[in-house]
Amino acid sequence: MTAIPEEELENRGRYHPPSPEKAAKHEEMRAKYLELARYVNEMLPPSREAEMALTYLLDSSLWAANAALARRD
């Protein structure tokens, strides 16, 4: 028994070209994440923790824009 169905693996691994509507959502999502990244960068003192916060924010943006928007209708 496999943990992830084959269809889901194929969906995760293939290219999902954006429709014009999805492309607009990608742009909006990236703009909001950049706005938040700037806020975090401004508010937190320079530190490893601030760098980690920005790293995880970037990670989250990739999951949101590149995976959730792209893979799902």
PDB file of N, CA and C in Angstrom:
ATOM      1  N   MET A   1       0.840  -1.175   0.000  1.00  0.00           N
ATOM      2  CA  MET A   1       0.000   0.000   0.000  1.00  0.00           C
ATOM      3  C   MET A   1       0.889   1.243   0.000  1.00  0.00           C
ATOM      4  N   THR A   2       0.594   2.207  -0.867  1.00  0.00           N
ATOM      5  CA  THR A   2       1.371   3.433  -0.911  1.00  0.00           C
ATOM      6  C   THR A   2       0.684   4.523  -0.110  1.00  0.00           C
ATOM      7  N   ALA A   3       1.485   5.420   0.423  1.00  0.00           N
ATOM      8  CA  ALA A   3       0.945   6.495   1.249  1.00  0.00           C
ATOM      9  C   ALA A   3       0.257   7.560   0.408  1.00  0.00           C
ATOM     10  N   ILE A   4       0.797   7.836  -0.780  1.00  0.00           N
ATOM     11  CA  ILE A   4       0.241   8.876  -1.641  1.00  0.00           C
ATOM     12  C   ILE A   4      -0.191   8.224  -2.948  1.00  0.00           C
ATOM     13  N   PRO A   5      -1.432   8.420  -3.353  1.00  0.00           N
ATOM     14  CA  PRO A   5      -1.903   7.823  -4.606  1.00  0.00           C
ATOM     15  C   PRO A   5      -1.075   8.293  -5.815  1.00  0.00           C
ATOM     16  N   GLU A   6      -0.922   7.443  -6.784  1.00  0.00           N
ATOM     17  CA  GLU A   6      -0.141   7.742  -7.983  1.00  0.00           C
ATOM     18  C   GLU A   6      -0.625   9.011  -8.668  1.00  0.00           C
ATOM     19  N   GLU A   7      -1.913   9.190  -8.759  1.00  0.00           N
ATOM     20  CA  GLU A   7      -2.472  10.389  -9.403  1.00  0.00           C
ATOM     21  C   GLU A   7      -1.993  11.665  -8.706  1.00  0.00           C
ATOM     22  N   GLU A   8      -1.933  11.629  -7.384  1.00  0.00           N
ATOM     23  CA  GLU A   8      -1.468  12.796  -6.630  1.00  0.00           C
ATOM     24  C   GLU A   8       0.019  13.032  -6.859  1.00  0.00           C
ATOM     25  N   LEU A   9       0.813  11.969  -6.913  1.00  0.00           N
ATOM     26  CA  LEU A   9       2.237  12.132  -7.201  1.00  0.00           C
ATOM     27  C   LEU A   9       2.446  12.768  -8.568  1.00  0.00           C
ATOM     28  N   GLU A  10       1.686  12.308  -9.552  1.00  0.00           N
ATOM     29  CA  GLU A  10       1.799  12.886 -10.892  1.00  0.00           C
ATOM     30  C   GLU A  10       1.384  14.357 -10.881  1.00  0.00           C
ATOM     31  N   ASN A  11       0.333  14.681 -10.148  1.00  0.00           N
ATOM     32  CA  ASN A  11      -0.115  16.064 -10.063  1.00  0.00           C
ATOM     33  C   ASN A  11       0.967  16.948  -9.441  1.00  0.00           C
ATOM     34  N   ARG A  12       1.622  16.447  -8.417  1.00  0.00           N
ATOM     35  CA  ARG A  12       2.669  17.222  -7.748  1.00  0.00           C
ATOM     36  C   ARG A  12       3.895  17.402  -8.634  1.00  0.00           C
ATOM     37  N   GLY A  13       4.167  16.447  -9.503  1.00  0.00           N
ATOM     38  CA  GLY A  13       5.396  16.465 -10.276  1.00  0.00           C
ATOM     39  C   GLY A  13       5.318  17.120 -11.643  1.00  0.00           C
ATOM     40  N   ARG A  14       4.133  17.429 -12.102  1.00  0.00           N
ATOM     41  CA  ARG A  14       4.052  17.984 -13.452  1.00  0.00           C
ATOM     42  C   ARG A  14       3.920  19.506 -13.421  1.00  0.00           C
ATOM     43  N   TYR A  15       4.199  20.103 -14.567  1.00  0.00           N
ATOM     44  CA  TYR A  15       4.092  21.551 -14.711  1.00  0.00           C
ATOM     45  C   TYR A  15       2.628  21.933 -14.849  1.00  0.00           C
ATOM     46  N   HIS A  16       2.255  22.996 -14.165  1.00  0.00           N
ATOM     47  CA  HIS A  16       0.891  23.500 -14.199  1.00  0.00           C
ATOM     48  C   HIS A  16       0.909  24.926 -14.749  1.00  0.00           C
ATOM     49  N   PRO A  17       0.778  25.075 -16.064  1.00  0.00           N
ATOM     50  CA  PRO A  17       0.811  26.429 -16.607  1.00  0.00           C
ATOM     51  C   PRO A  17      -0.367  27.241 -16.089  1.00  0.00           C
ATOM     52  N   PRO A  18      -0.111  28.469 -15.669  1.00  0.00           N
ATOM     53  CA  PRO A  18      -1.206  29.259 -15.097  1.00  0.00           C
ATOM     54  C   PRO A  18      -2.125  29.838 -16.165  1.00  0.00           C
ATOM     55  N   SER A  19      -3.401  29.829 -15.869  1.00  0.00           N
ATOM     56  CA  SER A  19      -4.363  30.554 -16.689  1.00  0.00           C
ATOM     57  C   SER A  19      -4.163  32.036 -16.390  1.00  0.00           C
ATOM     58  N   PRO A  20      -4.712  32.924 -17.196  1.00  0.00           N
ATOM     59  CA  PRO A  20      -4.589  34.354 -16.872  1.00  0.00           C
ATOM     60  C   PRO A  20      -5.115  34.691 -15.466  1.00  0.00           C
ATOM     61  N   GLU A  21      -6.193  34.024 -15.057  1.00  0.00           N
ATOM     62  CA  GLU A  21      -6.744  34.277 -13.730  1.00  0.00           C
ATOM     63  C   GLU A  21      -5.784  33.816 -12.628  1.00  0.00           C
ATOM     64  N   LYS A  22      -5.207  32.633 -12.820  1.00  0.00           N
ATOM     65  CA  LYS A  22      -4.267  32.132 -11.820  1.00  0.00           C
ATOM     66  C   LYS A  22      -2.986  32.955 -11.814  1.00  0.00           C
ATOM     67  N   ALA A  23      -2.551  33.419 -12.975  1.00  0.00           N
ATOM     68  CA  ALA A  23      -1.348  34.255 -13.031  1.00  0.00           C
ATOM     69  C   ALA A  23      -1.563  35.523 -12.210  1.00  0.00           C
ATOM     70  N   ALA A  24      -2.749  36.096 -12.291  1.00  0.00           N
ATOM     71  CA  ALA A  24      -3.063  37.298 -11.505  1.00  0.00           C
ATOM     72  C   ALA A  24      -3.048  36.979 -10.009  1.00  0.00           C
ATOM     73  N   LYS A  25      -3.562  35.809  -9.636  1.00  0.00           N
ATOM     74  CA  LYS A  25      -3.543  35.408  -8.230  1.00  0.00           C
ATOM     75  C   LYS A  25      -2.112  35.195  -7.742  1.00  0.00           C
ATOM     76  N   HIS A  26      -1.274  34.599  -8.593  1.00  0.00           N
ATOM     77  CA  HIS A  26       0.141  34.416  -8.241  1.00  0.00           C
ATOM     78  C   HIS A  26       0.787  35.772  -7.959  1.00  0.00           C
ATOM     79  N   GLU A  27       0.557  36.733  -8.821  1.00  0.00           N
ATOM     80  CA  GLU A  27       1.136  38.061  -8.648  1.00  0.00           C
ATOM     81  C   GLU A  27       0.644  38.718  -7.369  1.00  0.00           C
ATOM     82  N   GLU A  28      -0.642  38.601  -7.100  1.00  0.00           N
ATOM     83  CA  GLU A  28      -1.199  39.179  -5.876  1.00  0.00           C
ATOM     84  C   GLU A  28      -0.606  38.513  -4.632  1.00  0.00           C
ATOM     85  N   MET A  29      -0.481  37.197  -4.681  1.00  0.00           N
ATOM     86  CA  MET A  29       0.086  36.451  -3.553  1.00  0.00           C
ATOM     87  C   MET A  29       1.532  36.873  -3.314  1.00  0.00           C
ATOM     88  N   ARG A  30       2.320  36.960  -4.379  1.00  0.00           N
ATOM     89  CA  ARG A  30       3.714  37.363  -4.222  1.00  0.00           C
ATOM     90  C   ARG A  30       3.824  38.780  -3.648  1.00  0.00           C
ATOM     91  N   ALA A  31       2.962  39.678  -4.096  1.00  0.00           N
ATOM     92  CA  ALA A  31       2.993  41.054  -3.595  1.00  0.00           C
ATOM     93  C   ALA A  31       2.694  41.101  -2.098  1.00  0.00           C
ATOM     94  N   LYS A  32       1.723  40.329  -1.651  1.00  0.00           N
ATOM     95  CA  LYS A  32       1.371  40.302  -0.224  1.00  0.00           C
ATOM     96  C   LYS A  32       2.505  39.708   0.608  1.00  0.00           C
ATOM     97  N   TYR A  33       3.122  38.637   0.110  1.00  0.00           N
ATOM     98  CA  TYR A  33       4.242  38.045   0.833  1.00  0.00           C
ATOM     99  C   TYR A  33       5.412  39.014   0.908  1.00  0.00           C
ATOM    100  N   LEU A  34       5.686  39.742  -0.166  1.00  0.00           N
ATOM    101  CA  LEU A  34       6.767  40.727  -0.151  1.00  0.00           C
ATOM    102  C   LEU A  34       6.462  41.828   0.860  1.00  0.00           C
ATOM    103  N   GLU A  35       5.221  42.257   0.907  1.00  0.00           N
ATOM    104  CA  GLU A  35       4.813  43.266   1.883  1.00  0.00           C
ATOM    105  C   GLU A  35       5.067  42.768   3.305  1.00  0.00           C
ATOM    106  N   LEU A  36       4.695  41.536   3.581  1.00  0.00           N
ATOM    107  CA  LEU A  36       4.915  40.974   4.910  1.00  0.00           C
ATOM    108  C   LEU A  36       6.409  40.797   5.187  1.00  0.00           C
ATOM    109  N   ALA A  37       7.177  40.358   4.199  1.00  0.00           N
ATOM    110  CA  ALA A  37       8.619  40.191   4.391  1.00  0.00           C
ATOM    111  C   ALA A  37       9.275  41.524   4.732  1.00  0.00           C
ATOM    112  N   ARG A  38       8.854  42.576   4.063  1.00  0.00           N
ATOM    113  CA  ARG A  38       9.402  43.899   4.370  1.00  0.00           C
ATOM    114  C   ARG A  38       9.045  44.314   5.800  1.00  0.00           C
ATOM    115  N   TYR A  39       7.822  44.033   6.202  1.00  0.00           N
ATOM    116  CA  TYR A  39       7.385  44.359   7.562  1.00  0.00           C
ATOM    117  C   TYR A  39       8.221  43.595   8.598  1.00  0.00           C
ATOM    118  N   VAL A  40       8.368  42.307   8.400  1.00  0.00           N
ATOM    119  CA  VAL A  40       9.153  41.479   9.321  1.00  0.00           C
ATOM    120  C   VAL A  40      10.590  41.990   9.372  1.00  0.00           C
ATOM    121  N   ASN A  41      11.158  42.285   8.220  1.00  0.00           N
ATOM    122  CA  ASN A  41      12.532  42.752   8.141  1.00  0.00           C
ATOM    123  C   ASN A  41      12.706  44.086   8.871  1.00  0.00           C
ATOM    124  N   GLU A  42      11.709  44.927   8.805  1.00  0.00           N
ATOM    125  CA  GLU A  42      11.752  46.233   9.465  1.00  0.00           C
ATOM    126  C   GLU A  42      11.554  46.119  10.974  1.00  0.00           C
ATOM    127  N   MET A  43      10.654  45.246  11.389  1.00  0.00           N
ATOM    128  CA  MET A  43      10.270  45.180  12.799  1.00  0.00           C
ATOM    129  C   MET A  43      11.234  44.382  13.676  1.00  0.00           C
ATOM    130  N   LEU A  44      11.865  43.361  13.117  1.00  0.00           N
ATOM    131  CA  LEU A  44      12.703  42.494  13.938  1.00  0.00           C
ATOM    132  C   LEU A  44      14.150  42.958  13.925  1.00  0.00           C
ATOM    133  N   PRO A  45      14.820  42.863  15.058  1.00  0.00           N
ATOM    134  CA  PRO A  45      16.247  43.196  15.070  1.00  0.00           C
ATOM    135  C   PRO A  45      17.024  42.127  14.299  1.00  0.00           C
ATOM    136  N   PRO A  46      18.135  42.519  13.689  1.00  0.00           N
ATOM    137  CA  PRO A  46      18.944  41.528  12.967  1.00  0.00           C
ATOM    138  C   PRO A  46      19.334  40.377  13.896  1.00  0.00           C
ATOM    139  N   SER A  47      19.015  39.178  13.474  1.00  0.00           N
ATOM    140  CA  SER A  47      19.309  38.002  14.295  1.00  0.00           C
ATOM    141  C   SER A  47      19.077  36.742  13.471  1.00  0.00           C
ATOM    142  N   ARG A  48      19.552  35.661  14.013  1.00  0.00           N
ATOM    143  CA  ARG A  48      19.296  34.360  13.388  1.00  0.00           C
ATOM    144  C   ARG A  48      17.802  34.095  13.339  1.00  0.00           C
ATOM    145  N   GLU A  49      17.104  34.465  14.411  1.00  0.00           N
ATOM    146  CA  GLU A  49      15.660  34.239  14.480  1.00  0.00           C
ATOM    147  C   GLU A  49      14.913  35.021  13.405  1.00  0.00           C
ATOM    148  N   ALA A  50      15.348  36.253  13.169  1.00  0.00           N
ATOM    149  CA  ALA A  50      14.720  37.046  12.104  1.00  0.00           C
ATOM    150  C   ALA A  50      14.980  36.408  10.742  1.00  0.00           C
ATOM    151  N   GLU A  51      16.188  35.936  10.543  1.00  0.00           N
ATOM    152  CA  GLU A  51      16.512  35.247   9.284  1.00  0.00           C
ATOM    153  C   GLU A  51      15.652  33.996   9.118  1.00  0.00           C
ATOM    154  N   MET A  52      15.456  33.259  10.209  1.00  0.00           N
ATOM    155  CA  MET A  52      14.620  32.062  10.134  1.00  0.00           C
ATOM    156  C   MET A  52      13.176  32.440   9.818  1.00  0.00           C
ATOM    157  N   ALA A  53      12.684  33.508  10.435  1.00  0.00           N
ATOM    158  CA  ALA A  53      11.315  33.961  10.150  1.00  0.00           C
ATOM    159  C   ALA A  53      11.164  34.277   8.671  1.00  0.00           C
ATOM    160  N   LEU A  54      12.150  34.963   8.097  1.00  0.00           N
ATOM    161  CA  LEU A  54      12.088  35.288   6.669  1.00  0.00           C
ATOM    162  C   LEU A  54      12.233  34.038   5.795  1.00  0.00           C
ATOM    163  N   THR A  55      13.064  33.114   6.241  1.00  0.00           N
ATOM    164  CA  THR A  55      13.214  31.858   5.489  1.00  0.00           C
ATOM    165  C   THR A  55      11.903  31.088   5.451  1.00  0.00           C
ATOM    166  N   TYR A  56      11.243  30.972   6.596  1.00  0.00           N
ATOM    167  CA  TYR A  56       9.975  30.253   6.643  1.00  0.00           C
ATOM    168  C   TYR A  56       8.865  31.005   5.911  1.00  0.00           C
ATOM    169  N   LEU A  57       8.957  32.312   5.897  1.00  0.00           N
ATOM    170  CA  LEU A  57       7.994  33.091   5.124  1.00  0.00           C
ATOM    171  C   LEU A  57       8.168  32.800   3.635  1.00  0.00           C
ATOM    172  N   LEU A  58       9.404  32.755   3.182  1.00  0.00           N
ATOM    173  CA  LEU A  58       9.667  32.402   1.786  1.00  0.00           C
ATOM    174  C   LEU A  58       9.168  30.995   1.486  1.00  0.00           C
ATOM    175  N   ASP A  59       9.449  30.074   2.400  1.00  0.00           N
ATOM    176  CA  ASP A  59       8.982  28.698   2.233  1.00  0.00           C
ATOM    177  C   ASP A  59       7.460  28.670   2.102  1.00  0.00           C
ATOM    178  N   SER A  60       6.786  29.400   2.965  1.00  0.00           N
ATOM    179  CA  SER A  60       5.333  29.469   2.919  1.00  0.00           C
ATOM    180  C   SER A  60       4.843  30.061   1.597  1.00  0.00           C
ATOM    181  N   SER A  61       5.522  31.087   1.115  1.00  0.00           N
ATOM    182  CA  SER A  61       5.093  31.705  -0.145  1.00  0.00           C
ATOM    183  C   SER A  61       5.227  30.732  -1.305  1.00  0.00           C
ATOM    184  N   LEU A  62       6.261  29.923  -1.284  1.00  0.00           N
ATOM    185  CA  LEU A  62       6.424  28.928  -2.347  1.00  0.00           C
ATOM    186  C   LEU A  62       5.313  27.890  -2.312  1.00  0.00           C
ATOM    187  N   TRP A  63       4.956  27.449  -1.111  1.00  0.00           N
ATOM    188  CA  TRP A  63       3.860  26.489  -0.991  1.00  0.00           C
ATOM    189  C   TRP A  63       2.538  27.109  -1.424  1.00  0.00           C
ATOM    190  N   ALA A  64       2.322  28.361  -1.054  1.00  0.00           N
ATOM    191  CA  ALA A  64       1.057  29.011  -1.395  1.00  0.00           C
ATOM    192  C   ALA A  64       0.968  29.302  -2.885  1.00  0.00           C
ATOM    193  N   ALA A  65       1.940  30.011  -3.411  1.00  0.00           N
ATOM    194  CA  ALA A  65       1.859  30.449  -4.812  1.00  0.00           C
ATOM    195  C   ALA A  65       2.208  29.339  -5.788  1.00  0.00           C
ATOM    196  N   ASN A  66       3.303  28.637  -5.527  1.00  0.00           N
ATOM    197  CA  ASN A  66       3.761  27.661  -6.508  1.00  0.00           C
ATOM    198  C   ASN A  66       3.077  26.319  -6.403  1.00  0.00           C
ATOM    199  N   ALA A  67       2.582  25.968  -5.252  1.00  0.00           N
ATOM    200  CA  ALA A  67       1.949  24.659  -5.110  1.00  0.00           C
ATOM    201  C   ALA A  67       0.429  24.761  -5.002  1.00  0.00           C
ATOM    202  N   ALA A  68      -0.041  25.427  -3.978  1.00  0.00           N
ATOM    203  CA  ALA A  68      -1.502  25.451  -3.761  1.00  0.00           C
ATOM    204  C   ALA A  68      -2.253  26.094  -4.907  1.00  0.00           C
ATOM    205  N   LEU A  69      -1.787  27.227  -5.390  1.00  0.00           N
ATOM    206  CA  LEU A  69      -2.472  27.872  -6.509  1.00  0.00           C
ATOM    207  C   LEU A  69      -2.300  27.087  -7.810  1.00  0.00           C
ATOM    208  N   ALA A  70      -1.088  26.623  -8.038  1.00  0.00           N
ATOM    209  CA  ALA A  70      -0.804  25.963  -9.312  1.00  0.00           C
ATOM    210  C   ALA A  70      -1.462  24.587  -9.437  1.00  0.00           C
ATOM    211  N   ARG A  71      -1.444  23.823  -8.366  1.00  0.00           N
ATOM    212  CA  ARG A  71      -1.894  22.432  -8.445  1.00  0.00           C
ATOM    213  C   ARG A  71      -3.387  22.237  -8.299  1.00  0.00           C
ATOM    214  N   ARG A  72      -4.056  23.188  -7.721  1.00  0.00           N
ATOM    215  CA  ARG A  72      -5.487  23.008  -7.447  1.00  0.00           C
ATOM    216  C   ARG A  72      -6.316  23.974  -8.262  1.00  0.00           C
ATOM    217  N   ASP A  73      -7.489  23.528  -8.641  1.00  0.00           N
ATOM    218  CA  ASP A  73      -8.395  24.397  -9.416  1.00  0.00           C
ATOM    219  C   ASP A  73      -9.270  25.227  -8.525  1.00  0.00           C
TER     220      ASP A  73
END
